[in-house]
Amino acid sequence: MSPRNYTRIGTLKSIESFGDYLAELGIDLPCDAQVEAGPQSPLAQPIECGPLRIGNRFAIHPMEGWDGTDDGMPTDKTVRRWQRFGQSGAKLIWGGEAVAVTHDGRANPQQLLINEKNKAGLAQLRDELIKSHLQQTGSSADLVIGLQLTHSGRYARPNCKDTPEPRIAYRHPLLDRKLNITDDGPLLTDDDLYRIIDQFLVAAKLAHGLGFDFVDIKHCHGYLGHELLSAHTRGGEFGGSFENRTRFLRQVVTGIRAQVPNLQIGVRFCAFDMPPFKPDPSRAEGGKLGPGTPEDFQRLLPYRYGFGSDVNDPLKPDLTETVLLLALLQDLDIKLVNLSAGSPYYNPHIQRPALYPPSDGYQPPEDPLIGVARQMGIVRQLKEKFPNLILVGTAYSYLQEYLPNVAQAAVRQGWVDVVGLGRMVLSYPDLPHDILTNQALQTKRICRTFSDCTTAPRNGLVSGCYPLDAHYKKSPEMIKLRTIKSAAGQ
């Protein structure tokens, strides 16, 4: 099926037509005919996590704006975004956004940076989020706010938006070619990794002092923590065996427990991955990007460059090590786990199903609902194996009008504990609150996955919802974005 023929969610005018389309695609998704409101709603139920009480079943994923200052402080745009996170009514704020633990680990020169100098700015973000949450809901007693700590590794661009300065865990033949890495210069040594671990510990202590309830040790989307999980070909203390590939995570967790014992810990990681994809030029239509096709990995079989993927067919998930990692987290007494998949840099349709691609992406090679079902189904499998962990799910935004129906059913049937929202909150931050209070959905604010929030930062602009949020739609950056998209045939 051509991407042009995928049915747009907005054209499905009833829950019955949505269900019929799922059946046509052969997709198994839970979906309730009616969405409940009030304190008895499945989505309104609190959930306990050690000393933390999460007041409902909505979470806000980390959403970066690439709009900080050169030295990593928030700007007015950053503050506005965090205010809208609080306004959402979601009771679990998973990190706010990725905050780099060191300058050379920033993915963008405008990424937030945590250090002594920047404490006041980060404290302001948390305070403004709480204020807007109180104004929307009347109580912050059951609001849980984390801070996502990161090192961008392979995707570091700390000094100039158009100048990559990668720091890699191992040589990856496919990604090295995409990023023009031709020698071992960017390889991190074991000593380098131990220094980065120390920087995570410093950051965790600062986050605790600022009042954050937990820190997320980021292990997703191709950044350093995620890459280390797949470092099968690396030598030394951080590569090869599963024990070595999880050493970074274990060292950070152990250090936080020793130095900041009252700080809770969460981990966002990719449950599965696939090889990089590229647009297929032979199938391009009307000047647009072709649909995605995987880079040729046949000569690399057995494929030793992924985590959660089948070594003999890396287009298929293999959850063997995913289960081992969840068991490790359980042993480390980490209950908060946020599950994602793939990477926005090299296979965005896996990680963030969308009908419209970013400018550096490709047309979806499958109906995006298939990608939603893939992630939700895998979270369901993992939840069955680990009933005592609190699992946050991903990929719900593409469901659009039917997000409430599917989210409620997924929680009610035990597929997932908490429904995570990302892109949707940029265009429609009030969505969780509107669902929980039985207000009609504001359909003109629903994210339609135009991917401008990704295209913009890929081209040196701040991220935001340019099509639907007037703050960005009327900005000077919108003129630049239109030019960029036009040049890309979008």
Foldseek 3Di string as FASTA:
>chain_A
DALVPFDFLVVQDAPVSVVVVCVVVVFDFFFFRDFDADCVFLQQPWDDQVVAIQRGFAEAEAFFFLQADLQAFRDPVLLVLLLLLLLQLGQHYAANHEEELDLQQALHSRHHHDDPVRLVRVLSSVVSSPVSNCVNPVDNRRHAFEREYFGQAQRGDRHHLPDGDHQHCDDDPVVCVVVVPDDCVNYDDPVNLVVSLVSLLNRQVSRVVSPHQAYEHEQAANGHNVQLCLQCVGDDQRYNDNNNSCVSVVSSLVSCCVPPVRHAYEYEYEQAEAAFWAFDVVQDPPLATHAIDHDDCVVVALPRRIDQARSHHRVHGDRPVVLVVVVVCVVSSHQHYEYFHYHLVGACLLGANASAHALRHGGHPDNSVVSVSVQLVVLQVSCVVPVRHQYEGDHLLSSWPRSSRSVSRCSVVRSHRHYYDYQQSLQPSNVNVCSNRVHDDPNLSRDNRNCQQPNQSNVPHTGGPCPHDCVNVVDPSVVVSVVSVVVSVD
